[in-house]
Amino acid sequence: MIQVTLSVGSNCGDRNAFVAEALQWLKSSVLMQTECSEIYETPCALKSGKPYKNAVIRGFYSGTGFQLEDLLKEKEHEMGRNTECRERGDVPIDIDIVIMDGEVVKSWDYRQKFFQIGYQYLEAR
């Protein structure tokens, strides 16, 4: 069992609905003992794109980090994330493992406002 903290974001379409759908899927089908931030808006971290709706969720996963990563990428694809979207700069959904078993595994994401807002919310609870 591993503890993970994930960043969830969307910058196109019904951003709130996409993030909410991903969070519900994570809570009901993937993670156990979850804690989740509210959904909030941040500017694009690269300063050149559309604003995002974001959330941070923390919980436990019964498999390996590699298995979870594969599952997250499958869900992104299922929700419409593909090569054409990437070329347009559209992100229907992005779900990334930022912290795994207490270790930051995506340091750039960890430092960004889009992650820190939700993470600080969870840490304050």
Foldseek 3Di string as FASTA:
>chain_A
DKKFKKKKKFFDDPQQVLRVVVVVCCDPPFFPPKDKFDWDWDQDQVNPDGIMTMMMMIGDGDDDPVVVVVVQVVVQVVQPDDPVCVVVVGRSMDMDTQAMRRRGPDVVVCPDPRRVVNVVVVVVD
